[in-house]
């Protein structure tokens, strides 16, 4: 991480979209990398994420996720981990409406965690 300054935000937590996963049952998940550039280890993370196209087509609208220590582990300082976030079936077409990944916008709207 020390040699990859373009990943994450100094003294903060950031996400980077990396792609989509289509499960065997047709369920769709957005794959993000969550990057911890803070000096504390984090567990039991509550995160709210919005994800849309630049045209306003909503993929996730302030979707809340709980990354527990049991299911996700500990996000150590200066590390990155993948997270798979379920996409509501009614929003899947909004993702496929764009062919350019540069036309996707995503934000962390809320972020809370336990310090480990």
PDB file of N, CA and C in Angstrom:
ATOM      1  N   UNK A   1       0.815  -1.194   0.000  1.00  0.00           N
ATOM      2  CA  UNK A   1       0.000   0.000   0.000  1.00  0.00           C
ATOM      3  C   UNK A   1       0.860   1.260   0.000  1.00  0.00           C
ATOM      4  N   UNK A   2       1.985   1.213   0.687  1.00  0.00           N
ATOM      5  CA  UNK A   2       2.835   2.399   0.764  1.00  0.00           C
ATOM      6  C   UNK A   2       3.331   2.820  -0.619  1.00  0.00           C
ATOM      7  N   UNK A   3       3.440   1.866  -1.533  1.00  0.00           N
ATOM      8  CA  UNK A   3       3.933   2.168  -2.870  1.00  0.00           C
ATOM      9  C   UNK A   3       2.808   2.423  -3.865  1.00  0.00           C
ATOM     10  N   UNK A   4       1.551   2.365  -3.412  1.00  0.00           N
ATOM     11  CA  UNK A   4       0.389   2.543  -4.289  1.00  0.00           C
ATOM     12  C   UNK A   4      -0.433   3.736  -3.839  1.00  0.00           C
ATOM     13  N   UNK A   5       0.124   4.918  -3.950  1.00  0.00           N
ATOM     14  CA  UNK A   5      -0.539   6.124  -3.465  1.00  0.00           C
ATOM     15  C   UNK A   5      -1.823   6.448  -4.221  1.00  0.00           C
ATOM     16  N   UNK A   6      -2.004   5.902  -5.437  1.00  0.00           N
ATOM     17  CA  UNK A   6      -3.208   6.200  -6.209  1.00  0.00           C
ATOM     18  C   UNK A   6      -4.418   5.415  -5.706  1.00  0.00           C
ATOM     19  N   UNK A   7      -4.207   4.462  -4.813  1.00  0.00           N
ATOM     20  CA  UNK A   7      -5.302   3.679  -4.247  1.00  0.00           C
ATOM     21  C   UNK A   7      -5.661   4.259  -2.883  1.00  0.00           C
ATOM     22  N   UNK A   8      -6.932   4.567  -2.707  1.00  0.00           N
ATOM     23  CA  UNK A   8      -7.385   5.085  -1.423  1.00  0.00           C
ATOM     24  C   UNK A   8      -7.143   6.573  -1.285  1.00  0.00           C
ATOM     25  N   UNK A   9      -7.440   7.066  -0.077  1.00  0.00           N
ATOM     26  CA  UNK A   9      -7.289   8.477   0.254  1.00  0.00           C
ATOM     27  C   UNK A   9      -6.503   8.556   1.559  1.00  0.00           C
ATOM     28  N   UNK A  10      -5.438   9.332   1.563  1.00  0.00           N
ATOM     29  CA  UNK A  10      -4.597   9.448   2.753  1.00  0.00           C
ATOM     30  C   UNK A  10      -5.431   9.830   3.977  1.00  0.00           C
ATOM     31  N   UNK A  11      -5.218   9.118   5.086  1.00  0.00           N
ATOM     32  CA  UNK A  11      -5.908   9.347   6.368  1.00  0.00           C
ATOM     33  C   UNK A  11      -7.423   9.182   6.275  1.00  0.00           C
ATOM     34  N   UNK A  12      -7.883   8.286   5.406  1.00  0.00           N
ATOM     35  CA  UNK A  12      -9.320   8.077   5.236  1.00  0.00           C
ATOM     36  C   UNK A  12      -9.578   6.658   4.733  1.00  0.00           C
ATOM     37  N   UNK A  13     -10.854   6.341   4.578  1.00  0.00           N
ATOM     38  CA  UNK A  13     -11.292   5.069   4.004  1.00  0.00           C
ATOM     39  C   UNK A  13     -11.957   5.383   2.672  1.00  0.00           C
ATOM     40  N   UNK A  14     -11.677   4.574   1.658  1.00  0.00           N
ATOM     41  CA  UNK A  14     -12.251   4.791   0.328  1.00  0.00           C
ATOM     42  C   UNK A  14     -12.658   3.451  -0.271  1.00  0.00           C
ATOM     43  N   UNK A  15     -13.493   3.524  -1.310  1.00  0.00           N
ATOM     44  CA  UNK A  15     -13.850   2.333  -2.071  1.00  0.00           C
ATOM     45  C   UNK A  15     -13.509   2.572  -3.530  1.00  0.00           C
ATOM     46  N   UNK A  16     -13.215   1.479  -4.231  1.00  0.00           N
ATOM     47  CA  UNK A  16     -12.951   1.514  -5.664  1.00  0.00           C
ATOM     48  C   UNK A  16     -13.751   0.390  -6.300  1.00  0.00           C
ATOM     49  N   UNK A  17     -14.566   0.723  -7.295  1.00  0.00           N
ATOM     50  CA  UNK A  17     -15.347  -0.280  -8.016  1.00  0.00           C
ATOM     51  C   UNK A  17     -14.422  -1.081  -8.919  1.00  0.00           C
ATOM     52  N   UNK A  18     -14.559  -2.419  -8.886  1.00  0.00           N
ATOM     53  CA  UNK A  18     -13.699  -3.259  -9.719  1.00  0.00           C
ATOM     54  C   UNK A  18     -14.468  -4.107 -10.715  1.00  0.00           C
ATOM     55  N   UNK A  19     -15.774  -4.311 -10.500  1.00  0.00           N
ATOM     56  CA  UNK A  19     -16.536  -5.116 -11.440  1.00  0.00           C
ATOM     57  C   UNK A  19     -17.795  -5.679 -10.815  1.00  0.00           C
ATOM     58  N   UNK A  20     -18.458  -6.546 -11.578  1.00  0.00           N
ATOM     59  CA  UNK A  20     -19.695  -7.181 -11.119  1.00  0.00           C
ATOM     60  C   UNK A  20     -19.511  -8.692 -11.112  1.00  0.00           C
ATOM     61  N   UNK A  21     -20.231  -9.328 -10.203  1.00  0.00           N
ATOM     62  CA  UNK A  21     -20.257 -10.783 -10.120  1.00  0.00           C
ATOM     63  C   UNK A  21     -21.685 -11.241 -10.356  1.00  0.00           C
ATOM     64  N   UNK A  22     -21.873 -12.154 -11.285  1.00  0.00           N
ATOM     65  CA  UNK A  22     -23.176 -12.746 -11.532  1.00  0.00           C
ATOM     66  C   UNK A  22     -23.163 -14.163 -10.983  1.00  0.00           C
ATOM     67  N   UNK A  23     -23.968 -14.409  -9.966  1.00  0.00           N
ATOM     68  CA  UNK A  23     -24.016 -15.720  -9.327  1.00  0.00           C
ATOM     69  C   UNK A  23     -24.752 -16.735 -10.167  1.00  0.00           C
ATOM     70  N   UNK A  24     -24.639 -18.000  -9.774  1.00  0.00           N
ATOM     71  CA  UNK A  24     -25.294 -19.092 -10.499  1.00  0.00           C
ATOM     72  C   UNK A  24     -26.808 -18.933 -10.522  1.00  0.00           C
ATOM     73  N   UNK A  25     -27.371 -18.330  -9.481  1.00  0.00           N
ATOM     74  CA  UNK A  25     -28.822 -18.147  -9.407  1.00  0.00           C
ATOM     75  C   UNK A  25     -29.265 -16.866 -10.088  1.00  0.00           C
ATOM     76  N   UNK A  26     -28.341 -16.119 -10.668  1.00  0.00           N
ATOM     77  CA  UNK A  26     -28.673 -14.868 -11.339  1.00  0.00           C
ATOM     78  C   UNK A  26     -28.517 -13.652 -10.463  1.00  0.00           C
ATOM     79  N   UNK A  27     -28.227 -13.859  -9.181  1.00  0.00           N
ATOM     80  CA  UNK A  27     -28.023 -12.724  -8.280  1.00  0.00           C
ATOM     81  C   UNK A  27     -26.774 -11.958  -8.705  1.00  0.00           C
ATOM     82  N   UNK A  28     -26.845 -10.642  -8.569  1.00  0.00           N
ATOM     83  CA  UNK A  28     -25.746  -9.786  -9.015  1.00  0.00           C
ATOM     84  C   UNK A  28     -25.146  -9.058  -7.821  1.00  0.00           C
ATOM     85  N   UNK A  29     -23.818  -8.980  -7.807  1.00  0.00           N
ATOM     86  CA  UNK A  29     -23.116  -8.268  -6.747  1.00  0.00           C
ATOM     87  C   UNK A  29     -22.090  -7.328  -7.357  1.00  0.00           C
ATOM     88  N   UNK A  30     -22.011  -6.123  -6.790  1.00  0.00           N
ATOM     89  CA  UNK A  30     -20.953  -5.182  -7.154  1.00  0.00           C
ATOM     90  C   UNK A  30     -19.722  -5.537  -6.336  1.00  0.00           C
ATOM     91  N   UNK A  31     -18.569  -5.548  -6.980  1.00  0.00           N
ATOM     92  CA  UNK A  31     -17.321  -5.849  -6.288  1.00  0.00           C
ATOM     93  C   UNK A  31     -16.545  -4.542  -6.142  1.00  0.00           C
ATOM     94  N   UNK A  32     -16.288  -4.197  -4.885  1.00  0.00           N
ATOM     95  CA  UNK A  32     -15.494  -3.016  -4.567  1.00  0.00           C
ATOM     96  C   UNK A  32     -14.263  -3.455  -3.790  1.00  0.00           C
ATOM     97  N   UNK A  33     -13.258  -2.647  -3.817  1.00  0.00           N
ATOM     98  CA  UNK A  33     -12.112  -2.777  -2.927  1.00  0.00           C
ATOM     99  C   UNK A  33     -12.267  -1.660  -1.901  1.00  0.00           C
ATOM    100  N   UNK A  34     -12.255  -2.024  -0.623  1.00  0.00           N
ATOM    101  CA  UNK A  34     -12.302  -1.015   0.436  1.00  0.00           C
ATOM    102  C   UNK A  34     -10.878  -0.826   0.946  1.00  0.00           C
ATOM    103  N   UNK A  35     -10.443   0.418   1.008  1.00  0.00           N
ATOM    104  CA  UNK A  35      -9.050   0.750   1.327  1.00  0.00           C
ATOM    105  C   UNK A  35      -9.011   1.548   2.624  1.00  0.00           C
ATOM    106  N   UNK A  36      -8.231   1.061   3.572  1.00  0.00           N
ATOM    107  CA  UNK A  36      -8.053   1.742   4.853  1.00  0.00           C
ATOM    108  C   UNK A  36      -6.684   2.411   4.876  1.00  0.00           C
ATOM    109  N   UNK A  37      -6.670   3.721   4.747  1.00  0.00           N
ATOM    110  CA  UNK A  37      -5.428   4.495   4.830  1.00  0.00           C
ATOM    111  C   UNK A  37      -5.340   5.243   6.160  1.00  0.00           C
ATOM    112  N   UNK A  38      -6.074   4.743   7.163  1.00  0.00           N
ATOM    113  CA  UNK A  38      -6.024   5.345   8.491  1.00  0.00           C
ATOM    114  C   UNK A  38      -5.051   4.549   9.363  1.00  0.00           C
ATOM    115  N   UNK A  39      -4.803   5.049  10.556  1.00  0.00           N
ATOM    116  CA  UNK A  39      -3.860   4.403  11.461  1.00  0.00           C
ATOM    117  C   UNK A  39      -4.527   3.448  12.443  1.00  0.00           C
ATOM    118  N   UNK A  40      -5.790   3.080  12.201  1.00  0.00           N
ATOM    119  CA  UNK A  40      -6.503   2.186  13.111  1.00  0.00           C
ATOM    120  C   UNK A  40      -7.052   0.987  12.360  1.00  0.00           C
ATOM    121  N   UNK A  41      -7.083  -0.147  13.052  1.00  0.00           N
ATOM    122  CA  UNK A  41      -7.724  -1.343  12.517  1.00  0.00           C
ATOM    123  C   UNK A  41      -9.220  -1.232  12.776  1.00  0.00           C
ATOM    124  N   UNK A  42     -10.039  -1.711  11.830  1.00  0.00           N
ATOM    125  CA  UNK A  42     -11.489  -1.565  11.913  1.00  0.00           C
ATOM    126  C   UNK A  42     -12.172  -2.918  11.838  1.00  0.00           C
ATOM    127  N   UNK A  43     -13.248  -3.042  12.603  1.00  0.00           N
ATOM    128  CA  UNK A  43     -14.071  -4.245  12.550  1.00  0.00           C
ATOM    129  C   UNK A  43     -15.525  -3.826  12.723  1.00  0.00           C
ATOM    130  N   UNK A  44     -16.433  -4.745  12.448  1.00  0.00           N
ATOM    131  CA  UNK A  44     -17.870  -4.468  12.563  1.00  0.00           C
ATOM    132  C   UNK A  44     -18.216  -3.143  11.886  1.00  0.00           C
ATOM    133  N   UNK A  45     -17.900  -3.084  10.616  1.00  0.00           N
ATOM    134  CA  UNK A  45     -18.070  -1.867   9.824  1.00  0.00           C
ATOM    135  C   UNK A  45     -19.511  -1.759   9.329  1.00  0.00           C
ATOM    136  N   UNK A  46     -20.136  -0.622   9.580  1.00  0.00           N
ATOM    137  CA  UNK A  46     -21.430  -0.273   9.001  1.00  0.00           C
ATOM    138  C   UNK A  46     -21.164   0.771   7.934  1.00  0.00           C
ATOM    139  N   UNK A  47     -21.543   0.449   6.688  1.00  0.00           N
ATOM    140  CA  UNK A  47     -21.266   1.361   5.587  1.00  0.00           C
ATOM    141  C   UNK A  47     -22.535   1.526   4.747  1.00  0.00           C
ATOM    142  N   UNK A  48     -22.776   2.754   4.312  1.00  0.00           N
ATOM    143  CA  UNK A  48     -23.884   3.065   3.423  1.00  0.00           C
ATOM    144  C   UNK A  48     -23.288   3.586   2.120  1.00  0.00           C
ATOM    145  N   UNK A  49     -23.686   2.960   1.003  1.00  0.00           N
ATOM    146  CA  UNK A  49     -23.075   3.257  -0.288  1.00  0.00           C
ATOM    147  C   UNK A  49     -24.144   3.621  -1.314  1.00  0.00           C
ATOM    148  N   UNK A  50     -23.853   4.648  -2.103  1.00  0.00           N
ATOM    149  CA  UNK A  50     -24.672   4.992  -3.265  1.00  0.00           C
ATOM    150  C   UNK A  50     -23.843   4.714  -4.514  1.00  0.00           C
ATOM    151  N   UNK A  51     -24.524   4.231  -5.557  1.00  0.00           N
ATOM    152  CA  UNK A  51     -23.846   3.797  -6.780  1.00  0.00           C
ATOM    153  C   UNK A  51     -24.813   4.053  -7.925  1.00  0.00           C
ATOM    154  N   UNK A  52     -24.392   4.832  -8.923  1.00  0.00           N
ATOM    155  CA  UNK A  52     -25.275   5.157 -10.038  1.00  0.00           C
ATOM    156  C   UNK A  52     -24.453   5.438 -11.285  1.00  0.00           C
ATOM    157  N   UNK A  53     -25.165   5.692 -12.381  1.00  0.00           N
ATOM    158  CA  UNK A  53     -24.498   6.146 -13.600  1.00  0.00           C
ATOM    159  C   UNK A  53     -24.478   7.673 -13.571  1.00  0.00           C
ATOM    160  N   UNK A  54     -23.650   8.277 -14.405  1.00  0.00           N
ATOM    161  CA  UNK A  54     -23.603   9.736 -14.474  1.00  0.00           C
ATOM    162  C   UNK A  54     -24.931  10.305 -14.959  1.00  0.00           C
ATOM    163  N   UNK A  55     -25.752   9.487 -15.599  1.00  0.00           N
ATOM    164  CA  UNK A  55     -27.078   9.919 -16.061  1.00  0.00           C
ATOM    165  C   UNK A  55     -28.131   9.832 -14.967  1.00  0.00           C
ATOM    166  N   UNK A  56     -27.745   9.371 -13.769  1.00  0.00           N
ATOM    167  CA  UNK A  56     -28.679   9.302 -12.655  1.00  0.00           C
ATOM    168  C   UNK A  56     -29.405   7.983 -12.505  1.00  0.00           C
ATOM    169  N   UNK A  57     -29.047   6.974 -13.310  1.00  0.00           N
ATOM    170  CA  UNK A  57     -29.662   5.648 -13.172  1.00  0.00           C
ATOM    171  C   UNK A  57     -29.107   4.982 -11.917  1.00  0.00           C
ATOM    172  N   UNK A  58     -29.965   4.729 -10.933  1.00  0.00           N
ATOM    173  CA  UNK A  58     -29.551   4.237  -9.622  1.00  0.00           C
ATOM    174  C   UNK A  58     -29.285   2.731  -9.652  1.00  0.00           C
ATOM    175  N   UNK A  59     -28.138   2.353  -9.101  1.00  0.00           N
ATOM    176  CA  UNK A  59     -27.781   0.945  -8.917  1.00  0.00           C
ATOM    177  C   UNK A  59     -27.924   0.603  -7.433  1.00  0.00           C
ATOM    178  N   UNK A  60     -27.371   1.433  -6.566  1.00  0.00           N
ATOM    179  CA  UNK A  60     -27.559   1.342  -5.117  1.00  0.00           C
ATOM    180  C   UNK A  60     -27.935   2.723  -4.607  1.00  0.00           C
ATOM    181  N   UNK A  61     -28.988   2.810  -3.813  1.00  0.00           N
ATOM    182  CA  UNK A  61     -29.425   4.101  -3.289  1.00  0.00           C
ATOM    183  C   UNK A  61     -29.295   4.089  -1.771  1.00  0.00           C
ATOM    184  N   UNK A  62     -28.176   4.604  -1.290  1.00  0.00           N
ATOM    185  CA  UNK A  62     -27.889   4.635   0.143  1.00  0.00           C
ATOM    186  C   UNK A  62     -28.139   3.260   0.776  1.00  0.00           C
ATOM    187  N   UNK A  63     -27.563   2.252   0.135  1.00  0.00           N
ATOM    188  CA  UNK A  63     -27.702   0.864   0.595  1.00  0.00           C
ATOM    189  C   UNK A  63     -26.799   0.636   1.800  1.00  0.00           C
ATOM    190  N   UNK A  64     -27.372   0.044   2.844  1.00  0.00           N
ATOM    191  CA  UNK A  64     -26.640  -0.194   4.088  1.00  0.00           C
ATOM    192  C   UNK A  64     -26.111  -1.622   4.111  1.00  0.00           C
ATOM    193  N   UNK A  65     -24.844  -1.755   4.515  1.00  0.00           N
ATOM    194  CA  UNK A  65     -24.202  -3.057   4.646  1.00  0.00           C
ATOM    195  C   UNK A  65     -23.488  -3.123   5.983  1.00  0.00           C
ATOM    196  N   UNK A  66     -23.500  -4.298   6.575  1.00  0.00           N
ATOM    197  CA  UNK A  66     -22.814  -4.528   7.839  1.00  0.00           C
ATOM    198  C   UNK A  66     -21.728  -5.561   7.596  1.00  0.00           C
ATOM    199  N   UNK A  67     -20.482  -5.161   7.716  1.00  0.00           N
ATOM    200  CA  UNK A  67     -19.334  -6.042   7.517  1.00  0.00           C
ATOM    201  C   UNK A  67     -18.839  -6.458   8.900  1.00  0.00           C
ATOM    202  N   UNK A  68     -19.371  -7.582   9.392  1.00  0.00           N
ATOM    203  CA  UNK A  68     -19.031  -8.022  10.742  1.00  0.00           C
ATOM    204  C   UNK A  68     -17.641  -8.642  10.774  1.00  0.00           C
ATOM    205  N   UNK A  69     -17.082  -8.676  11.961  1.00  0.00           N
ATOM    206  CA  UNK A  69     -15.773  -9.310  12.114  1.00  0.00           C
ATOM    207  C   UNK A  69     -15.850 -10.790  11.740  1.00  0.00           C
ATOM    208  N   UNK A  70     -16.967 -11.435  12.051  1.00  0.00           N
ATOM    209  CA  UNK A  70     -17.122 -12.857  11.745  1.00  0.00           C
ATOM    210  C   UNK A  70     -17.163 -13.123  10.243  1.00  0.00           C
ATOM    211  N   UNK A  71     -17.829 -12.255   9.483  1.00  0.00           N
ATOM    212  CA  UNK A  71     -17.970 -12.500   8.052  1.00  0.00           C
ATOM    213  C   UNK A  71     -16.921 -11.783   7.201  1.00  0.00           C
ATOM    214  N   UNK A  72     -16.407 -10.665   7.688  1.00  0.00           N
ATOM    215  CA  UNK A  72     -15.490  -9.852   6.882  1.00  0.00           C
ATOM    216  C   UNK A  72     -14.074  -9.848   7.430  1.00  0.00           C
ATOM    217  N   UNK A  73     -13.935  -9.953   8.728  1.00  0.00           N
ATOM    218  CA  UNK A  73     -12.611  -9.910   9.340  1.00  0.00           C
ATOM    219  C   UNK A  73     -12.279  -8.517   9.840  1.00  0.00           C
ATOM    220  N   UNK A  74     -10.999  -8.211   9.873  1.00  0.00           N
ATOM    221  CA  UNK A  74     -10.500  -6.932  10.379  1.00  0.00           C
ATOM    222  C   UNK A  74      -9.818  -6.197   9.231  1.00  0.00           C
ATOM    223  N   UNK A  75     -10.215  -4.942   9.042  1.00  0.00           N
ATOM    224  CA  UNK A  75      -9.596  -4.097   8.019  1.00  0.00           C
ATOM    225  C   UNK A  75      -8.437  -3.360   8.683  1.00  0.00           C
ATOM    226  N   UNK A  76      -7.257  -3.889   8.473  1.00  0.00           N
ATOM    227  CA  UNK A  76      -6.049  -3.352   9.104  1.00  0.00           C
ATOM    228  C   UNK A  76      -5.624  -2.036   8.444  1.00  0.00           C
ATOM    229  N   UNK A  77      -4.825  -1.228   9.144  1.00  0.00           N
ATOM    230  CA  UNK A  77      -4.306   0.008   8.537  1.00  0.00           C
ATOM    231  C   UNK A  77      -3.485  -0.290   7.287  1.00  0.00           C
ATOM    232  N   UNK A  78      -3.594   0.586   6.311  1.00  0.00           N
ATOM    233  CA  UNK A  78      -2.842   0.487   5.051  1.00  0.00           C
ATOM    234  C   UNK A  78      -3.041  -0.835   4.349  1.00  0.00           C
ATOM    235  N   UNK A  79      -4.297  -1.302   4.335  1.00  0.00           N
ATOM    236  CA  UNK A  79      -4.639  -2.516   3.596  1.00  0.00           C
ATOM    237  C   UNK A  79      -5.883  -2.272   2.759  1.00  0.00           C
ATOM    238  N   UNK A  80      -6.128  -3.189   1.834  1.00  0.00           N
ATOM    239  CA  UNK A  80      -7.329  -3.165   1.005  1.00  0.00           C
ATOM    240  C   UNK A  80      -7.928  -4.571   1.007  1.00  0.00           C
ATOM    241  N   UNK A  81      -9.264  -4.634   1.021  1.00  0.00           N
ATOM    242  CA  UNK A  81      -9.968  -5.918   1.006  1.00  0.00           C
ATOM    243  C   UNK A  81     -11.150  -5.815   0.051  1.00  0.00           C
ATOM    244  N   UNK A  82     -11.503  -6.914  -0.617  1.00  0.00           N
ATOM    245  CA  UNK A  82     -12.687  -6.881  -1.491  1.00  0.00           C
ATOM    246  C   UNK A  82     -13.968  -6.971  -0.676  1.00  0.00           C
ATOM    247  N   UNK A  83     -15.006  -6.297  -1.161  1.00  0.00           N
ATOM    248  CA  UNK A  83     -16.344  -6.452  -0.600  1.00  0.00           C
ATOM    249  C   UNK A  83     -17.307  -6.704  -1.759  1.00  0.00           C
ATOM    250  N   UNK A  84     -18.236  -7.607  -1.548  1.00  0.00           N
ATOM    251  CA  UNK A  84     -19.242  -7.967  -2.533  1.00  0.00           C
ATOM    252  C   UNK A  84     -20.584  -7.467  -2.014  1.00  0.00           C
ATOM    253  N   UNK A  85     -21.218  -6.550  -2.745  1.00  0.00           N
ATOM    254  CA  UNK A  85     -22.452  -5.920  -2.296  1.00  0.00           C
ATOM    255  C   UNK A  85     -23.605  -6.313  -3.213  1.00  0.00           C
ATOM    256  N   UNK A  86     -24.669  -6.862  -2.625  1.00  0.00           N
ATOM    257  CA  UNK A  86     -25.832  -7.302  -3.394  1.00  0.00           C
ATOM    258  C   UNK A  86     -26.494  -6.125  -4.096  1.00  0.00           C
ATOM    259  N   UNK A  87     -26.845  -6.338  -5.369  1.00  0.00           N
ATOM    260  CA  UNK A  87     -27.557  -5.345  -6.164  1.00  0.00           C
ATOM    261  C   UNK A  87     -29.019  -5.779  -6.249  1.00  0.00           C
ATOM    262  N   UNK A  88     -29.961  -4.908  -5.925  1.00  0.00           N
ATOM    263  CA  UNK A  88     -31.371  -5.269  -6.067  1.00  0.00           C
ATOM    264  C   UNK A  88     -31.682  -5.633  -7.523  1.00  0.00           C
ATOM    265  N   UNK A  89     -32.412  -6.716  -7.756  1.00  0.00           N
ATOM    266  CA  UNK A  89     -32.699  -7.146  -9.135  1.00  0.00           C
ATOM    267  C   UNK A  89     -33.320  -6.041  -9.999  1.00  0.00           C
ATOM    268  N   UNK A  90     -34.136  -5.182  -9.400  1.00  0.00           N
ATOM    269  CA  UNK A  90     -34.786  -4.129 -10.184  1.00  0.00           C
ATOM    270  C   UNK A  90     -33.809  -3.046 -10.642  1.00  0.00           C
ATOM    271  N   UNK A  91     -32.592  -3.030 -10.116  1.00  0.00           N
ATOM    272  CA  UNK A  91     -31.593  -2.024 -10.498  1.00  0.00           C
ATOM    273  C   UNK A  91     -30.496  -2.573 -11.404  1.00  0.00           C
ATOM    274  N   UNK A  92     -30.530  -3.867 -11.688  1.00  0.00           N
ATOM    275  CA  UNK A  92     -29.461  -4.478 -12.481  1.00  0.00           C
ATOM    276  C   UNK A  92     -29.358  -3.864 -13.871  1.00  0.00           C
ATOM    277  N   UNK A  93     -30.482  -3.606 -14.515  1.00  0.00           N
ATOM    278  CA  UNK A  93     -30.462  -3.050 -15.867  1.00  0.00           C
ATOM    279  C   UNK A  93     -29.797  -1.671 -15.890  1.00  0.00           C
ATOM    280  N   UNK A  94     -29.903  -0.924 -14.791  1.00  0.00           N
ATOM    281  CA  UNK A  94     -29.252   0.389 -14.737  1.00  0.00           C
ATOM    282  C   UNK A  94     -27.742   0.265 -14.870  1.00  0.00           C
ATOM    283  N   UNK A  95     -27.173  -0.795 -14.303  1.00  0.00           N
ATOM    284  CA  UNK A  95     -25.735  -1.014 -14.472  1.00  0.00           C
ATOM    285  C   UNK A  95     -25.417  -1.314 -15.933  1.00  0.00           C
ATOM    286  N   UNK A  96     -26.226  -2.176 -16.554  1.00  0.00           N
ATOM    287  CA  UNK A  96     -25.963  -2.585 -17.929  1.00  0.00           C
ATOM    288  C   UNK A  96     -26.287  -1.490 -18.944  1.00  0.00           C
ATOM    289  N   UNK A  97     -26.912  -0.399 -18.485  1.00  0.00           N
ATOM    290  CA  UNK A  97     -27.259   0.688 -19.398  1.00  0.00           C
ATOM    291  C   UNK A  97     -26.039   1.497 -19.825  1.00  0.00           C
ATOM    292  N   UNK A  98     -24.917   1.303 -19.168  1.00  0.00           N
ATOM    293  CA  UNK A  98     -23.698   2.030 -19.535  1.00  0.00           C
ATOM    294  C   UNK A  98     -22.626   1.048 -19.994  1.00  0.00           C
ATOM    295  N   UNK A  99     -21.916   1.430 -21.013  1.00  0.00           N
ATOM    296  CA  UNK A  99     -20.838   0.571 -21.510  1.00  0.00           C
ATOM    297  C   UNK A  99     -19.469   1.105 -21.097  1.00  0.00           C
ATOM    298  N   UNK A 100     -19.451   2.266 -20.464  1.00  0.00           N
ATOM    299  CA  UNK A 100     -18.198   2.894 -20.079  1.00  0.00           C
ATOM    300  C   UNK A 100     -18.111   2.937 -18.553  1.00  0.00           C
ATOM    301  N   UNK A 101     -17.159   2.247 -17.983  1.00  0.00           N
ATOM    302  CA  UNK A 101     -17.012   2.208 -16.533  1.00  0.00           C
ATOM    303  C   UNK A 101     -16.682   3.582 -15.944  1.00  0.00           C
ATOM    304  N   UNK A 102     -16.208   4.507 -16.773  1.00  0.00           N
ATOM    305  CA  UNK A 102     -15.948   5.879 -16.320  1.00  0.00           C
ATOM    306  C   UNK A 102     -17.256   6.631 -16.052  1.00  0.00           C
ATOM    307  N   UNK A 103     -18.379   6.081 -16.533  1.00  0.00           N
ATOM    308  CA  UNK A 103     -19.681   6.711 -16.343  1.00  0.00           C
ATOM    309  C   UNK A 103     -20.390   6.237 -15.080  1.00  0.00           C
ATOM    310  N   UNK A 104     -19.670   5.585 -14.177  1.00  0.00           N
ATOM    311  CA  UNK A 104     -20.227   5.120 -12.917  1.00  0.00           C
ATOM    312  C   UNK A 104     -19.744   6.012 -11.778  1.00  0.00           C
ATOM    313  N   UNK A 105     -20.654   6.331 -10.871  1.00  0.00           N
ATOM    314  CA  UNK A 105     -20.360   7.204  -9.736  1.00  0.00           C
ATOM    315  C   UNK A 105     -20.733   6.452  -8.464  1.00  0.00           C
ATOM    316  N   UNK A 106     -19.857   6.486  -7.467  1.00  0.00           N
ATOM    317  CA  UNK A 106     -20.156   5.806  -6.204  1.00  0.00           C
ATOM    318  C   UNK A 106     -19.570   6.606  -5.056  1.00  0.00           C
ATOM    319  N   UNK A 107     -20.294   6.538  -3.918  1.00  0.00           N
ATOM    320  CA  UNK A 107     -19.856   7.271  -2.734  1.00  0.00           C
ATOM    321  C   UNK A 107     -20.127   6.455  -1.478  1.00  0.00           C
ATOM    322  N   UNK A 108     -19.334   6.725  -0.456  1.00  0.00           N
ATOM    323  CA  UNK A 108     -19.638   6.242   0.881  1.00  0.00           C
ATOM    324  C   UNK A 108     -20.439   7.353   1.541  1.00  0.00           C
ATOM    325  N   UNK A 109     -21.703   7.073   1.852  1.00  0.00           N
ATOM    326  CA  UNK A 109     -22.577   8.083   2.449  1.00  0.00           C
ATOM    327  C   UNK A 109     -22.461   8.107   3.968  1.00  0.00           C
ATOM    328  N   UNK A 110     -22.276   6.954   4.568  1.00  0.00           N
ATOM    329  CA  UNK A 110     -22.090   6.842   6.015  1.00  0.00           C
ATOM    330  C   UNK A 110     -21.068   5.741   6.267  1.00  0.00           C
ATOM    331  N   UNK A 111     -20.306   5.907   7.348  1.00  0.00           N
ATOM    332  CA  UNK A 111     -19.275   4.919   7.676  1.00  0.00           C
ATOM    333  C   UNK A 111     -19.054   4.919   9.181  1.00  0.00           C
ATOM    334  N   UNK A 112     -19.219   3.765   9.798  1.00  0.00           N
ATOM    335  CA  UNK A 112     -19.005   3.626  11.237  1.00  0.00           C
ATOM    336  C   UNK A 112     -18.326   2.277  11.477  1.00  0.00           C
ATOM    337  N   UNK A 113     -17.535   2.183  12.524  1.00  0.00           N
ATOM    338  CA  UNK A 113     -16.784   0.956  12.779  1.00  0.00           C
ATOM    339  C   UNK A 113     -16.397   0.892  14.246  1.00  0.00           C
ATOM    340  N   UNK A 114     -16.005  -0.309  14.678  1.00  0.00           N
ATOM    341  CA  UNK A 114     -15.388  -0.499  15.993  1.00  0.00           C
ATOM    342  C   UNK A 114     -13.896  -0.523  15.778  1.00  0.00           C
ATOM    343  N   UNK A 115     -13.168   0.191  16.628  1.00  0.00           N
ATOM    344  CA  UNK A 115     -11.712   0.171  16.546  1.00  0.00           C
ATOM    345  C   UNK A 115     -11.207  -1.130  17.166  1.00  0.00           C
ATOM    346  N   UNK A 116     -10.282  -1.768  16.503  1.00  0.00           N
ATOM    347  CA  UNK A 116      -9.744  -3.062  16.982  1.00  0.00           C
ATOM    348  C   UNK A 116      -8.369  -2.872  17.549  1.00  0.00           C
TER     349      UNK A 116
END
